[in-house]
Amino acid sequence: MMDGPPAQPSSRTEFRVVAQGGTALEVMVIYAGILLYIWRWQYSYPHAWILLWAAILVSHVVHRDTPRRLGLWGPEWRPSAQIILPLATAIFVPLVIYGLWARRIVPLVPSGRQWLSLGGYAAWCVVQQYLTQSYFHRRLMKIIHSPLVASGLVALMFAAAHIPNPVLMAATGIGGFIFAEVFRRHPNIWPLAFAQAVGGFLIAAITPAALIHKMRVGPGYFFYGIR
């Protein structure tokens, strides 16, 4: 007896495959747009970030994301902080000790302008964690079956966005993987952003300016000392 025709995939399976393909394409387009903005558009089309931001917001609507799922709200901040803050402390304390010993960190009361600068950098860290975890990581978890692979890819993307700064690439690659793993277990970006802000401040303080170029990435890294 001859076998019948092979079973056709169900419409549900087909829809899932198409949805995953669309999500993968979306991630690649948005990430490519961010890299283009870093390397080109911020000089030629400085307002292009508005289109990228709008595309991400539309994506949230299409995917029916909620603030809690995005890690912007909810009780997960506590278990997230219980993991990331002790780990960050174990890493940051030796950096502080070295900075004090090398006299790269000097205890001073920040001025009003310095507080404003620190606040601006902290806010930028929130934006980075939102993009990295709330958007890219959540999308990748929908199309990559292995959680470790998804976290590794998130870390790689985070580090690649800081090319060619070697210090920031190393810090964001390692830190990005740790943050992704914590976010996967406890989706909340606020403890992660706080740890990034403190870590970024310490790295900027103890790293020679000739190497870190004032935390610049993209073409700005090469323009350090010129403009």
Protein backbone atom coordinates (compact mmCIF):
# COMPACT_ATOMS: atom_id res chain seq x y z
CA MET A 1 0.00 0.00 0.00
CA MET A 2 1.38 3.38 -1.00
CA ASP A 3 1.67 6.05 1.59
CA GLY A 4 -0.51 9.07 1.21
CA PRO A 5 0.81 12.57 0.50
CA PRO A 6 2.97 14.09 3.22
CA ALA A 7 1.11 16.00 5.86
CA GLN A 8 1.00 19.71 5.27
CA PRO A 9 2.02 22.01 8.11
CA SER A 10 -0.89 23.47 9.96
CA SER A 11 -1.89 27.07 9.44
CA ARG A 12 -0.88 27.74 13.02
CA THR A 13 2.65 26.47 12.38
CA GLU A 14 2.87 28.48 9.18
CA PHE A 15 1.76 31.61 11.02
CA ARG A 16 4.37 31.04 13.73
CA VAL A 17 7.14 30.64 11.18
CA VAL A 18 6.07 33.76 9.32
CA ALA A 19 5.80 35.72 12.59
CA GLN A 20 9.29 34.63 13.65
CA GLY A 21 10.68 35.60 10.26
CA GLY A 22 9.03 38.99 10.49
CA THR A 23 10.41 39.52 13.99
CA ALA A 24 13.92 38.56 12.85
CA LEU A 25 13.68 41.00 9.94
CA GLU A 26 12.40 43.72 12.27
CA VAL A 27 15.33 43.21 14.66
CA MET A 28 17.88 43.37 11.84
CA VAL A 29 16.35 46.53 10.34
CA ILE A 30 16.13 48.40 13.65
CA TYR A 31 19.63 47.37 14.71
CA ALA A 32 21.05 48.33 11.31
CA GLY A 33 19.30 51.69 11.66
CA ILE A 34 20.91 52.28 15.06
CA LEU A 35 24.37 51.44 13.71
CA LEU A 36 23.79 53.70 10.71
CA TYR A 37 22.78 56.51 13.05
CA ILE A 38 25.92 56.05 15.15
CA TRP A 39 28.23 55.98 12.16
CA ARG A 40 26.50 58.24 9.66
CA TRP A 41 23.02 59.61 10.22
CA GLN A 42 23.80 61.57 13.39
CA TYR A 43 25.88 63.85 11.18
CA SER A 44 23.83 63.89 7.98
CA TYR A 45 20.31 63.24 9.35
CA PRO A 46 20.46 64.15 13.06
CA HIS A 47 16.71 63.71 13.58
CA ALA A 48 16.59 60.19 12.13
CA TRP A 49 16.46 58.79 15.67
CA ILE A 50 12.83 59.93 15.82
CA LEU A 51 11.92 57.50 13.04
CA LEU A 52 13.76 54.67 14.78
CA TRP A 53 12.02 55.45 18.05
CA ALA A 54 8.65 55.59 16.31
CA ALA A 55 9.28 52.21 14.66
CA ILE A 56 10.07 50.65 18.04
CA LEU A 57 6.92 52.10 19.60
CA VAL A 58 4.84 50.72 16.71
CA SER A 59 6.50 47.35 17.28
CA HIS A 60 5.43 47.43 20.94
CA VAL A 61 1.84 47.99 19.86
CA VAL A 62 1.95 45.21 17.26
CA HIS A 63 3.51 42.74 19.72
CA ARG A 64 1.11 43.83 22.48
CA ASP A 65 3.91 44.61 24.87
CA THR A 66 3.08 45.97 28.30
CA PRO A 67 5.28 48.04 30.66
CA ARG A 68 5.54 45.04 32.97
CA ARG A 69 6.64 42.69 30.19
CA LEU A 70 9.15 45.27 29.01
CA GLY A 71 10.67 45.44 32.48
CA LEU A 72 9.62 49.03 33.04
CA TRP A 73 7.25 48.22 35.87
CA GLY A 74 6.44 45.46 38.33
CA PRO A 75 7.88 43.65 41.33
CA GLU A 76 10.75 42.00 39.44
CA TRP A 77 13.02 44.92 40.32
CA ARG A 78 13.63 43.45 43.76
CA PRO A 79 14.95 39.98 42.75
CA SER A 80 16.83 41.63 39.90
CA ALA A 81 18.52 44.02 42.33
CA GLN A 82 19.28 41.17 44.72
CA ILE A 83 21.33 39.52 41.97
CA ILE A 84 22.93 42.40 40.12
CA LEU A 85 23.78 44.79 42.97
CA PRO A 86 25.93 42.38 45.06
CA LEU A 87 27.66 41.24 41.87
CA ALA A 88 28.25 44.84 40.79
CA THR A 89 29.55 45.72 44.26
CA ALA A 90 32.06 42.87 44.11
CA ILE A 91 33.34 44.25 40.80
CA PHE A 92 33.16 47.97 41.57
CA VAL A 93 34.82 48.00 45.00
CA PRO A 94 38.23 46.92 43.61
CA LEU A 95 37.85 49.56 40.88
CA VAL A 96 37.19 52.24 43.50
CA ILE A 97 40.18 51.10 45.56
CA TYR A 98 42.40 51.20 42.49
CA GLY A 99 41.05 54.61 41.49
CA LEU A 100 41.77 56.03 44.93
CA TRP A 101 45.23 54.45 45.03
CA ALA A 102 46.09 55.76 41.56
CA ARG A 103 44.55 59.13 42.44
CA ARG A 104 42.19 58.91 39.48
CA ILE A 105 39.23 59.16 41.83
CA VAL A 106 39.24 62.15 44.18
CA PRO A 107 36.43 62.49 46.75
CA LEU A 108 34.74 65.80 46.00
CA VAL A 109 31.25 67.24 46.36
CA PRO A 110 29.88 67.45 42.79
CA SER A 111 28.86 70.85 41.51
CA GLY A 112 25.43 71.54 40.06
CA ARG A 113 26.70 71.02 36.52
CA GLN A 114 28.35 67.75 37.49
CA TRP A 115 25.14 66.48 39.08
CA LEU A 116 23.32 67.37 35.89
CA SER A 117 25.92 65.52 33.84
CA LEU A 118 25.69 62.45 36.07
CA GLY A 119 21.90 62.52 35.87
CA GLY A 120 22.04 62.76 32.09
CA TYR A 121 24.39 59.79 31.88
CA ALA A 122 22.17 57.74 34.20
CA ALA A 123 19.15 58.53 32.01
CA TRP A 124 21.13 57.45 28.94
CA CYS A 125 21.92 54.15 30.67
CA VAL A 126 18.17 53.63 31.20
CA VAL A 127 17.62 54.19 27.47
CA GLN A 128 20.39 51.73 26.60
CA GLN A 129 18.98 49.02 28.87
CA TYR A 130 15.50 49.63 27.49
CA LEU A 131 16.73 49.19 23.93
CA THR A 132 19.01 46.26 24.74
CA GLN A 133 16.77 44.28 27.08
CA SER A 134 13.19 45.51 26.73
CA TYR A 135 13.31 45.60 22.95
CA PHE A 136 16.10 43.53 21.39
CA HIS A 137 16.36 40.83 24.04
CA ARG A 138 12.60 40.28 24.18
CA ARG A 139 12.41 40.02 20.41
CA LEU A 140 15.32 37.60 20.24
CA MET A 141 13.79 35.38 22.91
CA LYS A 142 10.82 34.92 20.57
CA ILE A 143 12.92 33.61 17.69
CA ILE A 144 15.88 31.88 19.41
CA HIS A 145 15.13 28.72 21.35
CA SER A 146 18.31 28.71 23.46
CA PRO A 147 18.23 31.36 26.23
CA LEU A 148 22.03 31.38 26.46
CA VAL A 149 22.37 31.98 22.73
CA ALA A 150 19.86 34.83 22.92
CA SER A 151 21.75 36.40 25.83
CA GLY A 152 25.04 35.96 24.01
CA LEU A 153 23.69 37.61 20.87
CA VAL A 154 22.31 40.51 22.91
CA ALA A 155 25.75 40.99 24.50
CA LEU A 156 27.41 40.86 21.07
CA MET A 157 25.01 43.47 19.70
CA PHE A 158 25.55 45.68 22.74
CA ALA A 159 29.32 45.47 22.36
CA ALA A 160 29.20 46.04 18.58
CA ALA A 161 27.28 49.27 19.14
CA HIS A 162 30.38 50.56 21.00
CA ILE A 163 32.90 49.87 18.21
CA PRO A 164 35.76 50.92 18.01
CA ASN A 165 36.21 51.81 21.70
CA PRO A 166 38.09 48.76 23.07
CA VAL A 167 37.36 49.46 26.73
CA LEU A 168 33.64 49.94 26.24
CA MET A 169 33.40 46.98 23.87
CA ALA A 170 34.90 44.69 26.49
CA ALA A 171 32.80 46.14 29.32
CA THR A 172 29.52 46.05 27.40
CA GLY A 173 30.19 42.59 26.02
CA ILE A 174 30.76 41.04 29.44
CA GLY A 175 28.27 43.25 31.25
CA GLY A 176 25.72 42.83 28.47
CA PHE A 177 25.69 39.05 28.88
CA ILE A 178 25.30 39.32 32.65
CA PHE A 179 22.51 41.89 32.31
CA ALA A 180 20.73 39.75 29.70
CA GLU A 181 20.81 36.68 31.93
CA VAL A 182 19.47 38.64 34.90
CA PHE A 183 16.76 40.24 32.74
CA ARG A 184 15.74 36.84 31.38
CA ARG A 185 15.07 35.62 34.90
CA HIS A 186 13.71 38.86 36.35
CA PRO A 187 12.62 41.33 33.63
CA ASN A 188 13.26 44.76 35.09
CA ILE A 189 15.71 47.25 33.63
CA TRP A 190 16.11 49.65 36.57
CA PRO A 191 18.72 47.77 38.64
CA LEU A 192 20.60 47.02 35.41
CA ALA A 193 20.63 50.68 34.38
CA PHE A 194 21.81 51.71 37.85
CA ALA A 195 24.67 49.19 37.73
CA GLN A 196 25.62 50.34 34.24
CA ALA A 197 25.63 53.99 35.29
CA VAL A 198 27.91 53.37 38.28
CA GLY A 199 30.15 51.06 36.28
CA GLY A 200 30.40 53.52 33.39
CA PHE A 201 31.35 56.32 35.76
CA LEU A 202 34.09 54.22 37.34
CA ILE A 203 35.45 53.06 33.99
CA ALA A 204 35.56 56.64 32.74
CA ALA A 205 37.31 57.75 35.93
CA ILE A 206 40.08 55.14 36.08
CA THR A 207 40.78 54.58 32.36
CA PRO A 208 43.36 56.83 30.66
CA ALA A 209 41.70 59.36 28.39
CA ALA A 210 44.00 58.36 25.54
CA LEU A 211 42.41 54.91 25.59
CA ILE A 212 38.76 55.57 26.34
CA HIS A 213 38.46 58.89 24.42
CA LYS A 214 35.80 60.30 26.77
CA MET A 215 33.49 57.28 26.27
CA ARG A 216 33.12 58.00 22.58
CA VAL A 217 32.03 55.38 20.05
CA GLY A 218 31.70 55.32 16.27
CA PRO A 219 33.45 58.08 14.28
CA GLY A 220 33.60 60.26 17.38
CA TYR A 221 36.21 57.92 18.81
CA PHE A 222 38.60 58.88 16.01
CA PHE A 223 37.83 62.59 16.36
CA TYR A 224 38.99 62.68 19.98
CA GLY A 225 41.53 65.45 20.40
CA ILE A 226 40.49 67.01 17.10
CA ARG A 227 37.00 68.23 17.94
